[in-house]
Each structure stands twice: as C-alpha cells, then as structure tokens.
Amino acid sequence: MSEYKDPSIFQIAFSLLASFFGVQNQANMDRDEQYIEKNGIKVYIIMGFFLVFCLLLTLFGIVKLVMHFAV
C-alpha cells in the first residue's frame, strides 16, 4: 500500500458524500481505510451524523417551502 497524507476535514466530508451516493473511487477508499486504521473511525462517524442531519434539515426545508407555495 502506498503512503497517503491524512485527509482534511473537507476531504472526509466529500468522501462520505461520495459514499452516500455510491460513487467513491478506489484511491479515496484506500486513503480513508489507511486513516481509519491509524486514527480510528470516530471522525468519520461524527461527520456522517452531521451530514445526515444536514440532509434531513435540507429536505425538511424543501418540503416546508413546497407546502407553503402549494396552499
């Protein structure tokens, strides 16, 4: 395995977003796996919950906006 730099918080977020949609590439998966083996999965879990919360908040806002204009 080649040596990767630790991912930034934005790289972790984009990596999680890509994995949500199933379009993660192998290089990023290898980088994430190496980081998790070295530092643990805690950062990915926290960021995952944060991204799911943001997604739900966005969907809630869109539904409220549509319902407002539908009445």
PDB file of N, CA and C in Angstrom:
ATOM      1  N   MET A   1       0.840  -1.165   0.000  1.00  0.00           N
ATOM      2  CA  MET A   1       0.000   0.000   0.000  1.00  0.00           C
ATOM      3  C   MET A   1       0.891   1.235   0.000  1.00  0.00           C
ATOM      4  N   SER A   2       0.516   2.248  -0.785  1.00  0.00           N
ATOM      5  CA  SER A   2       1.295   3.473  -0.794  1.00  0.00           C
ATOM      6  C   SER A   2       0.915   4.334   0.401  1.00  0.00           C
ATOM      7  N   GLU A   3       1.796   5.261   0.738  1.00  0.00           N
ATOM      8  CA  GLU A   3       1.585   6.122   1.891  1.00  0.00           C
ATOM      9  C   GLU A   3       0.780   7.349   1.486  1.00  0.00           C
ATOM     10  N   TYR A   4      -0.304   7.646   2.204  1.00  0.00           N
ATOM     11  CA  TYR A   4      -1.162   8.789   1.930  1.00  0.00           C
ATOM     12  C   TYR A   4      -1.022   9.804   3.055  1.00  0.00           C
ATOM     13  N   LYS A   5      -1.267  11.086   2.712  1.00  0.00           N
ATOM     14  CA  LYS A   5      -1.375  12.111   3.741  1.00  0.00           C
ATOM     15  C   LYS A   5      -2.714  11.950   4.436  1.00  0.00           C
ATOM     16  N   ASP A   6      -2.803  12.408   5.669  1.00  0.00           N
ATOM     17  CA  ASP A   6      -4.088  12.387   6.362  1.00  0.00           C
ATOM     18  C   ASP A   6      -5.060  13.306   5.632  1.00  0.00           C
ATOM     19  N   PRO A   7      -6.291  12.874   5.456  1.00  0.00           N
ATOM     20  CA  PRO A   7      -7.273  13.715   4.752  1.00  0.00           C
ATOM     21  C   PRO A   7      -7.699  14.899   5.602  1.00  0.00           C
ATOM     22  N   SER A   8      -8.006  16.007   4.935  1.00  0.00           N
ATOM     23  CA  SER A   8      -8.538  17.176   5.639  1.00  0.00           C
ATOM     24  C   SER A   8     -10.006  16.912   5.964  1.00  0.00           C
ATOM     25  N   ILE A   9     -10.597  17.797   6.732  1.00  0.00           N
ATOM     26  CA  ILE A   9     -11.996  17.622   7.100  1.00  0.00           C
ATOM     27  C   ILE A   9     -12.891  17.721   5.869  1.00  0.00           C
ATOM     28  N   PHE A  10     -12.499  18.547   4.892  1.00  0.00           N
ATOM     29  CA  PHE A  10     -13.276  18.654   3.659  1.00  0.00           C
ATOM     30  C   PHE A  10     -13.151  17.389   2.815  1.00  0.00           C
ATOM     31  N   GLN A  11     -11.977  16.790   2.785  1.00  0.00           N
ATOM     32  CA  GLN A  11     -11.804  15.535   2.056  1.00  0.00           C
ATOM     33  C   GLN A  11     -12.623  14.426   2.705  1.00  0.00           C
ATOM     34  N   ILE A  12     -12.701  14.426   4.025  1.00  0.00           N
ATOM     35  CA  ILE A  12     -13.522  13.436   4.725  1.00  0.00           C
ATOM     36  C   ILE A  12     -14.995  13.647   4.377  1.00  0.00           C
ATOM     37  N   ALA A  13     -15.436  14.913   4.381  1.00  0.00           N
ATOM     38  CA  ALA A  13     -16.835  15.212   4.048  1.00  0.00           C
ATOM     39  C   ALA A  13     -17.158  14.793   2.612  1.00  0.00           C
ATOM     40  N   PHE A  14     -16.285  15.135   1.650  1.00  0.00           N
ATOM     41  CA  PHE A  14     -16.534  14.752   0.260  1.00  0.00           C
ATOM     42  C   PHE A  14     -16.475  13.242   0.082  1.00  0.00           C
ATOM     43  N   SER A  15     -15.608  12.590   0.839  1.00  0.00           N
ATOM     44  CA  SER A  15     -15.517  11.140   0.774  1.00  0.00           C
ATOM     45  C   SER A  15     -16.806  10.495   1.280  1.00  0.00           C
ATOM     46  N   LEU A  16     -17.350  11.020   2.372  1.00  0.00           N
ATOM     47  CA  LEU A  16     -18.605  10.493   2.907  1.00  0.00           C
ATOM     48  C   LEU A  16     -19.773  10.779   1.972  1.00  0.00           C
ATOM     49  N   LEU A  17     -19.804  11.980   1.383  1.00  0.00           N
ATOM     50  CA  LEU A  17     -20.867  12.293   0.432  1.00  0.00           C
ATOM     51  C   LEU A  17     -20.801  11.373  -0.779  1.00  0.00           C
ATOM     52  N   ALA A  18     -19.594  11.108  -1.253  1.00  0.00           N
ATOM     53  CA  ALA A  18     -19.444  10.197  -2.392  1.00  0.00           C
ATOM     54  C   ALA A  18     -19.895   8.795  -2.017  1.00  0.00           C
ATOM     55  N   SER A  19     -19.597   8.367  -0.805  1.00  0.00           N
ATOM     56  CA  SER A  19     -20.011   7.025  -0.393  1.00  0.00           C
ATOM     57  C   SER A  19     -21.517   6.957  -0.167  1.00  0.00           C
ATOM     58  N   PHE A  20     -22.162   8.075   0.235  1.00  0.00           N
ATOM     59  CA  PHE A  20     -23.624   8.108   0.349  1.00  0.00           C
ATOM     60  C   PHE A  20     -24.268   7.771  -0.986  1.00  0.00           C
ATOM     61  N   PHE A  21     -23.680   8.293  -2.076  1.00  0.00           N
ATOM     62  CA  PHE A  21     -24.252   8.101  -3.405  1.00  0.00           C
ATOM     63  C   PHE A  21     -23.634   6.927  -4.156  1.00  0.00           C
ATOM     64  N   GLY A  22     -22.659   6.248  -3.556  1.00  0.00           N
ATOM     65  CA  GLY A  22     -22.074   5.061  -4.161  1.00  0.00           C
ATOM     66  C   GLY A  22     -21.105   5.340  -5.289  1.00  0.00           C
ATOM     67  N   VAL A  23     -20.448   6.492  -5.273  1.00  0.00           N
ATOM     68  CA  VAL A  23     -19.530   6.844  -6.353  1.00  0.00           C
ATOM     69  C   VAL A  23     -18.107   7.059  -5.854  1.00  0.00           C
ATOM     70  N   GLN A  24     -17.744   6.447  -4.752  1.00  0.00           N
ATOM     71  CA  GLN A  24     -16.410   6.582  -4.176  1.00  0.00           C
ATOM     72  C   GLN A  24     -15.381   5.892  -5.063  1.00  0.00           C
ATOM     73  N   ASN A  25     -14.236   6.550  -5.301  1.00  0.00           N
ATOM     74  CA  ASN A  25     -13.207   5.891  -6.110  1.00  0.00           C
ATOM     75  C   ASN A  25     -12.229   5.119  -5.209  1.00  0.00           C
ATOM     76  N   GLN A  26     -11.489   4.238  -5.805  1.00  0.00           N
ATOM     77  CA  GLN A  26     -10.617   3.327  -5.055  1.00  0.00           C
ATOM     78  C   GLN A  26      -9.505   4.065  -4.314  1.00  0.00           C
ATOM     79  N   ALA A  27      -8.946   5.107  -4.929  1.00  0.00           N
ATOM     80  CA  ALA A  27      -7.858   5.848  -4.275  1.00  0.00           C
ATOM     81  C   ALA A  27      -8.339   6.491  -2.977  1.00  0.00           C
ATOM     82  N   ASN A  28      -9.526   7.095  -3.006  1.00  0.00           N
ATOM     83  CA  ASN A  28     -10.072   7.702  -1.786  1.00  0.00           C
ATOM     84  C   ASN A  28     -10.437   6.644  -0.753  1.00  0.00           C
ATOM     85  N   MET A  29     -10.942   5.517  -1.201  1.00  0.00           N
ATOM     86  CA  MET A  29     -11.252   4.433  -0.268  1.00  0.00           C
ATOM     87  C   MET A  29      -9.988   3.935   0.426  1.00  0.00           C
ATOM     88  N   ASP A  30      -8.908   3.788  -0.332  1.00  0.00           N
ATOM     89  CA  ASP A  30      -7.644   3.355   0.261  1.00  0.00           C
ATOM     90  C   ASP A  30      -7.116   4.375   1.258  1.00  0.00           C
ATOM     91  N   ARG A  31      -7.205   5.681   0.900  1.00  0.00           N
ATOM     92  CA  ARG A  31      -6.753   6.746   1.800  1.00  0.00           C
ATOM     93  C   ARG A  31      -7.571   6.727   3.086  1.00  0.00           C
ATOM     94  N   ASP A  32      -8.905   6.582   2.954  1.00  0.00           N
ATOM     95  CA  ASP A  32      -9.772   6.556   4.132  1.00  0.00           C
ATOM     96  C   ASP A  32      -9.492   5.336   5.004  1.00  0.00           C
ATOM     97  N   GLU A  33      -9.307   4.202   4.366  1.00  0.00           N
ATOM     98  CA  GLU A  33      -9.027   2.974   5.121  1.00  0.00           C
ATOM     99  C   GLU A  33      -7.725   3.085   5.898  1.00  0.00           C
ATOM    100  N   GLN A  34      -6.721   3.662   5.266  1.00  0.00           N
ATOM    101  CA  GLN A  34      -5.423   3.824   5.939  1.00  0.00           C
ATOM    102  C   GLN A  34      -5.550   4.797   7.115  1.00  0.00           C
ATOM    103  N   TYR A  35      -6.310   5.873   6.932  1.00  0.00           N
ATOM    104  CA  TYR A  35      -6.514   6.840   8.009  1.00  0.00           C
ATOM    105  C   TYR A  35      -7.274   6.201   9.170  1.00  0.00           C
ATOM    106  N   ILE A  36      -8.302   5.418   8.856  1.00  0.00           N
ATOM    107  CA  ILE A  36      -9.101   4.768   9.900  1.00  0.00           C
ATOM    108  C   ILE A  36      -8.266   3.759  10.676  1.00  0.00           C
ATOM    109  N   GLU A  37      -7.420   3.001   9.985  1.00  0.00           N
ATOM    110  CA  GLU A  37      -6.560   2.039  10.679  1.00  0.00           C
ATOM    111  C   GLU A  37      -5.601   2.743  11.622  1.00  0.00           C
ATOM    112  N   LYS A  38      -5.138   3.935  11.227  1.00  0.00           N
ATOM    113  CA  LYS A  38      -4.153   4.655  12.033  1.00  0.00           C
ATOM    114  C   LYS A  38      -4.803   5.443  13.169  1.00  0.00           C
ATOM    115  N   ASN A  39      -5.961   6.097  12.903  1.00  0.00           N
ATOM    116  CA  ASN A  39      -6.543   7.025  13.876  1.00  0.00           C
ATOM    117  C   ASN A  39      -7.908   6.631  14.411  1.00  0.00           C
ATOM    118  N   GLY A  40      -8.536   5.638  13.842  1.00  0.00           N
ATOM    119  CA  GLY A  40      -9.872   5.243  14.286  1.00  0.00           C
ATOM    120  C   GLY A  40     -10.956   5.864  13.433  1.00  0.00           C
ATOM    121  N   ILE A  41     -12.167   5.401  13.655  1.00  0.00           N
ATOM    122  CA  ILE A  41     -13.298   5.765  12.795  1.00  0.00           C
ATOM    123  C   ILE A  41     -14.134   6.908  13.375  1.00  0.00           C
ATOM    124  N   LYS A  42     -13.756   7.413  14.538  1.00  0.00           N
ATOM    125  CA  LYS A  42     -14.542   8.408  15.254  1.00  0.00           C
ATOM    126  C   LYS A  42     -14.867   9.636  14.396  1.00  0.00           C
ATOM    127  N   VAL A  43     -13.897  10.180  13.665  1.00  0.00           N
ATOM    128  CA  VAL A  43     -14.111  11.379  12.852  1.00  0.00           C
ATOM    129  C   VAL A  43     -15.124  11.107  11.752  1.00  0.00           C
ATOM    130  N   TYR A  44     -15.055   9.935  11.143  1.00  0.00           N
ATOM    131  CA  TYR A  44     -15.978   9.589  10.065  1.00  0.00           C
ATOM    132  C   TYR A  44     -17.402   9.412  10.586  1.00  0.00           C
ATOM    133  N   ILE A  45     -17.551   8.855  11.760  1.00  0.00           N
ATOM    134  CA  ILE A  45     -18.885   8.674  12.342  1.00  0.00           C
ATOM    135  C   ILE A  45     -19.505  10.025  12.687  1.00  0.00           C
ATOM    136  N   ILE A  46     -18.728  10.899  13.317  1.00  0.00           N
ATOM    137  CA  ILE A  46     -19.234  12.227  13.675  1.00  0.00           C
ATOM    138  C   ILE A  46     -19.615  12.999  12.415  1.00  0.00           C
ATOM    139  N   MET A  47     -18.741  12.997  11.414  1.00  0.00           N
ATOM    140  CA  MET A  47     -19.023  13.708  10.170  1.00  0.00           C
ATOM    141  C   MET A  47     -20.220  13.088   9.454  1.00  0.00           C
ATOM    142  N   GLY A  48     -20.369  11.780   9.514  1.00  0.00           N
ATOM    143  CA  GLY A  48     -21.514  11.112   8.899  1.00  0.00           C
ATOM    144  C   GLY A  48     -22.823  11.541   9.533  1.00  0.00           C
ATOM    145  N   PHE A  49     -22.871  11.593  10.863  1.00  0.00           N
ATOM    146  CA  PHE A  49     -24.082  12.061  11.547  1.00  0.00           C
ATOM    147  C   PHE A  49     -24.376  13.516  11.202  1.00  0.00           C
ATOM    148  N   PHE A  50     -23.341  14.339  11.133  1.00  0.00           N
ATOM    149  CA  PHE A  50     -23.521  15.740  10.781  1.00  0.00           C
ATOM    150  C   PHE A  50     -24.090  15.885   9.365  1.00  0.00           C
ATOM    151  N   LEU A  51     -23.562  15.127   8.416  1.00  0.00           N
ATOM    152  CA  LEU A  51     -24.045  15.201   7.037  1.00  0.00           C
ATOM    153  C   LEU A  51     -25.472  14.685   6.905  1.00  0.00           C
ATOM    154  N   VAL A  52     -25.819  13.635   7.627  1.00  0.00           N
ATOM    155  CA  VAL A  52     -27.202  13.128   7.610  1.00  0.00           C
ATOM    156  C   VAL A  52     -28.133  14.175   8.207  1.00  0.00           C
ATOM    157  N   PHE A  53     -27.727  14.821   9.289  1.00  0.00           N
ATOM    158  CA  PHE A  53     -28.528  15.878   9.896  1.00  0.00           C
ATOM    159  C   PHE A  53     -28.745  17.025   8.902  1.00  0.00           C
ATOM    160  N   CYS A  54     -27.688  17.431   8.199  1.00  0.00           N
ATOM    161  CA  CYS A  54     -27.805  18.494   7.196  1.00  0.00           C
ATOM    162  C   CYS A  54     -28.733  18.077   6.054  1.00  0.00           C
ATOM    163  N   LEU A  55     -28.644  16.834   5.628  1.00  0.00           N
ATOM    164  CA  LEU A  55     -29.523  16.335   4.569  1.00  0.00           C
ATOM    165  C   LEU A  55     -30.985  16.370   5.017  1.00  0.00           C
ATOM    166  N   LEU A  56     -31.253  15.909   6.221  1.00  0.00           N
ATOM    167  CA  LEU A  56     -32.628  15.921   6.732  1.00  0.00           C
ATOM    168  C   LEU A  56     -33.152  17.339   6.903  1.00  0.00           C
ATOM    169  N   LEU A  57     -32.312  18.238   7.377  1.00  0.00           N
ATOM    170  CA  LEU A  57     -32.699  19.628   7.530  1.00  0.00           C
ATOM    171  C   LEU A  57     -33.014  20.260   6.176  1.00  0.00           C
ATOM    172  N   THR A  58     -32.218  19.954   5.165  1.00  0.00           N
ATOM    173  CA  THR A  58     -32.451  20.466   3.815  1.00  0.00           C
ATOM    174  C   THR A  58     -33.761  19.924   3.253  1.00  0.00           C
ATOM    175  N   LEU A  59     -33.994  18.627   3.402  1.00  0.00           N
ATOM    176  CA  LEU A  59     -35.244  18.036   2.917  1.00  0.00           C
ATOM    177  C   LEU A  59     -36.453  18.632   3.626  1.00  0.00           C
ATOM    178  N   PHE A  60     -36.343  18.843   4.927  1.00  0.00           N
ATOM    179  CA  PHE A  60     -37.418  19.458   5.698  1.00  0.00           C
ATOM    180  C   PHE A  60     -37.707  20.864   5.174  1.00  0.00           C
ATOM    181  N   GLY A  61     -36.653  21.633   4.903  1.00  0.00           N
ATOM    182  CA  GLY A  61     -36.813  22.984   4.379  1.00  0.00           C
ATOM    183  C   GLY A  61     -37.469  22.993   3.007  1.00  0.00           C
ATOM    184  N   ILE A  62     -37.081  22.068   2.144  1.00  0.00           N
ATOM    185  CA  ILE A  62     -37.676  21.979   0.808  1.00  0.00           C
ATOM    186  C   ILE A  62     -39.152  21.630   0.900  1.00  0.00           C
ATOM    187  N   VAL A  63     -39.504  20.684   1.755  1.00  0.00           N
ATOM    188  CA  VAL A  63     -40.911  20.296   1.922  1.00  0.00           C
ATOM    189  C   VAL A  63     -41.722  21.470   2.468  1.00  0.00           C
ATOM    190  N   LYS A  64     -41.183  22.182   3.457  1.00  0.00           N
ATOM    191  CA  LYS A  64     -41.888  23.346   4.007  1.00  0.00           C
ATOM    192  C   LYS A  64     -42.087  24.405   2.933  1.00  0.00           C
ATOM    193  N   LEU A  65     -41.093  24.634   2.084  1.00  0.00           N
ATOM    194  CA  LEU A  65     -41.183  25.621   1.014  1.00  0.00           C
ATOM    195  C   LEU A  65     -42.236  25.216  -0.019  1.00  0.00           C
ATOM    196  N   VAL A  66     -42.240  23.957  -0.408  1.00  0.00           N
ATOM    197  CA  VAL A  66     -43.229  23.471  -1.370  1.00  0.00           C
ATOM    198  C   VAL A  66     -44.636  23.553  -0.788  1.00  0.00           C
ATOM    199  N   MET A  67     -44.780  23.175   0.463  1.00  0.00           N
ATOM    200  CA  MET A  67     -46.103  23.232   1.097  1.00  0.00           C
ATOM    201  C   MET A  67     -46.600  24.678   1.243  1.00  0.00           C
ATOM    202  N   HIS A  68     -45.704  25.591   1.472  1.00  0.00           N
ATOM    203  CA  HIS A  68     -46.067  26.998   1.586  1.00  0.00           C
ATOM    204  C   HIS A  68     -46.644  27.522   0.272  1.00  0.00           C
ATOM    205  N   PHE A  69     -46.019  27.173  -0.836  1.00  0.00           N
ATOM    206  CA  PHE A  69     -46.470  27.644  -2.144  1.00  0.00           C
ATOM    207  C   PHE A  69     -47.630  26.819  -2.708  1.00  0.00           C
ATOM    208  N   ALA A  70     -47.887  25.652  -2.137  1.00  0.00           N
ATOM    209  CA  ALA A  70     -48.967  24.793  -2.634  1.00  0.00           C
ATOM    210  C   ALA A  70     -50.322  25.234  -2.093  1.00  0.00           C
ATOM    211  N   VAL A  71     -50.320  25.959  -1.012  1.00  0.00           N
ATOM    212  CA  VAL A  71     -51.595  26.357  -0.373  1.00  0.00           C
ATOM    213  C   VAL A  71     -52.208  27.530  -1.043  1.00  0.00           C
TER     214      VAL A  71
END
